[in-house]
Protein backbone atom coordinates (compact mmCIF):
# COMPACT_ATOMS: atom_id res chain seq x y z
CA MET A 1 133.06 114.32 99.20
CA LYS A 2 134.12 111.99 96.47
CA ARG A 3 131.60 110.10 94.41
CA ARG A 4 133.13 106.78 95.42
CA THR A 5 132.73 107.58 99.13
CA LEU A 6 129.12 108.64 98.64
CA ASP A 7 128.36 105.46 96.68
CA LEU A 8 129.95 103.36 99.41
CA LEU A 9 127.91 105.10 102.12
CA PHE A 10 124.65 104.61 100.22
CA SER A 11 125.49 100.96 99.57
CA ILE A 12 126.27 100.27 103.22
CA GLY A 13 123.16 102.19 104.31
CA GLY A 14 120.99 100.24 101.88
CA LEU A 15 122.45 96.95 103.03
CA GLY A 16 121.90 97.93 106.66
CA LEU A 17 118.28 98.88 105.93
CA ALA A 18 117.69 95.57 104.14
CA VAL A 19 119.08 93.61 107.10
CA LEU A 20 116.97 95.65 109.51
CA LEU A 21 113.80 95.04 107.50
CA LEU A 22 114.58 91.32 107.29
CA VAL A 23 115.03 91.07 111.06
CA VAL A 24 111.83 93.04 111.73
CA GLY A 25 109.92 90.82 109.31
CA ILE A 26 111.17 87.65 110.98
CA VAL A 27 110.37 88.95 114.47
CA LEU A 28 106.86 90.07 113.49
CA THR A 29 106.12 86.77 111.74
CA THR A 30 107.30 84.82 114.79
CA LYS A 31 105.15 86.92 117.12
CA ALA A 32 102.08 86.53 114.88
CA ASN A 33 102.53 82.75 114.77
CA PHE A 34 102.90 82.67 118.57
CA ALA A 35 99.72 84.72 119.02
CA ASN A 36 97.70 82.47 116.70
CA THR A 37 98.97 79.32 118.39
CA TYR A 38 98.36 80.76 121.86
CA VAL A 39 94.76 81.71 121.07
CA HIS A 40 94.13 78.29 119.52
CA ASP A 41 95.57 76.46 122.54
CA GLN A 42 93.70 78.57 125.09
CA LEU A 43 90.34 78.27 123.33
CA GLY A 44 90.88 74.55 122.81
CA ALA A 45 91.58 74.06 126.51
CA GLN A 46 88.28 75.77 127.40
CA HIS A 47 86.25 73.34 125.25
CA ILE A 48 83.92 76.06 123.91
CA SER A 49 81.67 75.01 121.05
CA PHE A 50 78.81 76.45 119.06
CA LYS A 51 75.29 75.15 119.58
CA PRO A 52 74.21 72.42 117.16
CA ALA A 53 72.15 73.61 114.20
CA ASP A 54 68.97 71.92 115.39
CA THR A 55 69.01 73.84 118.72
CA LEU A 56 69.37 77.33 117.22
CA THR A 57 66.52 79.76 117.78
CA ASP A 58 64.84 81.50 114.88
CA GLU A 59 66.80 84.68 115.61
CA GLU A 60 70.10 82.75 115.71
CA LYS A 61 69.31 80.97 112.44
CA LYS A 62 69.35 84.37 110.70
CA SER A 63 73.06 84.72 111.48
CA ASP A 64 75.24 83.20 108.75
CA CYS A 65 78.21 82.58 111.06
CA LEU A 66 76.13 80.68 113.63
CA ARG A 67 74.72 78.43 110.93
CA GLU A 68 78.12 77.94 109.33
CA TYR A 69 79.91 76.95 112.54
CA ALA A 70 77.01 75.19 114.29
CA GLY A 71 78.22 72.27 116.40
CA GLN A 72 81.92 73.03 115.84
CA ALA A 73 84.53 73.78 118.48
CA LEU A 74 85.64 77.40 118.89
CA THR A 75 89.41 77.34 118.35
CA THR A 76 90.18 80.64 116.58
CA GLY A 77 89.39 84.26 117.26
CA LYS A 78 87.72 84.48 113.87
């Protein structure tokens, strides 16, 4: 096989791989954005919220996340 043919094959293969990775990246980003939006919309529709800080029990007050988000609506999986 000639060097020119081999170079051409590697160039086309590299270009094809780059296009494939670009398409996969776009698809995965779109799916991740959809999942985040879907979770946010579903949790928002359920109107779930954390207890206000003044109603937390002593055991619940030990949890940093309950104190941090006390009284706020639950709109993310985090």
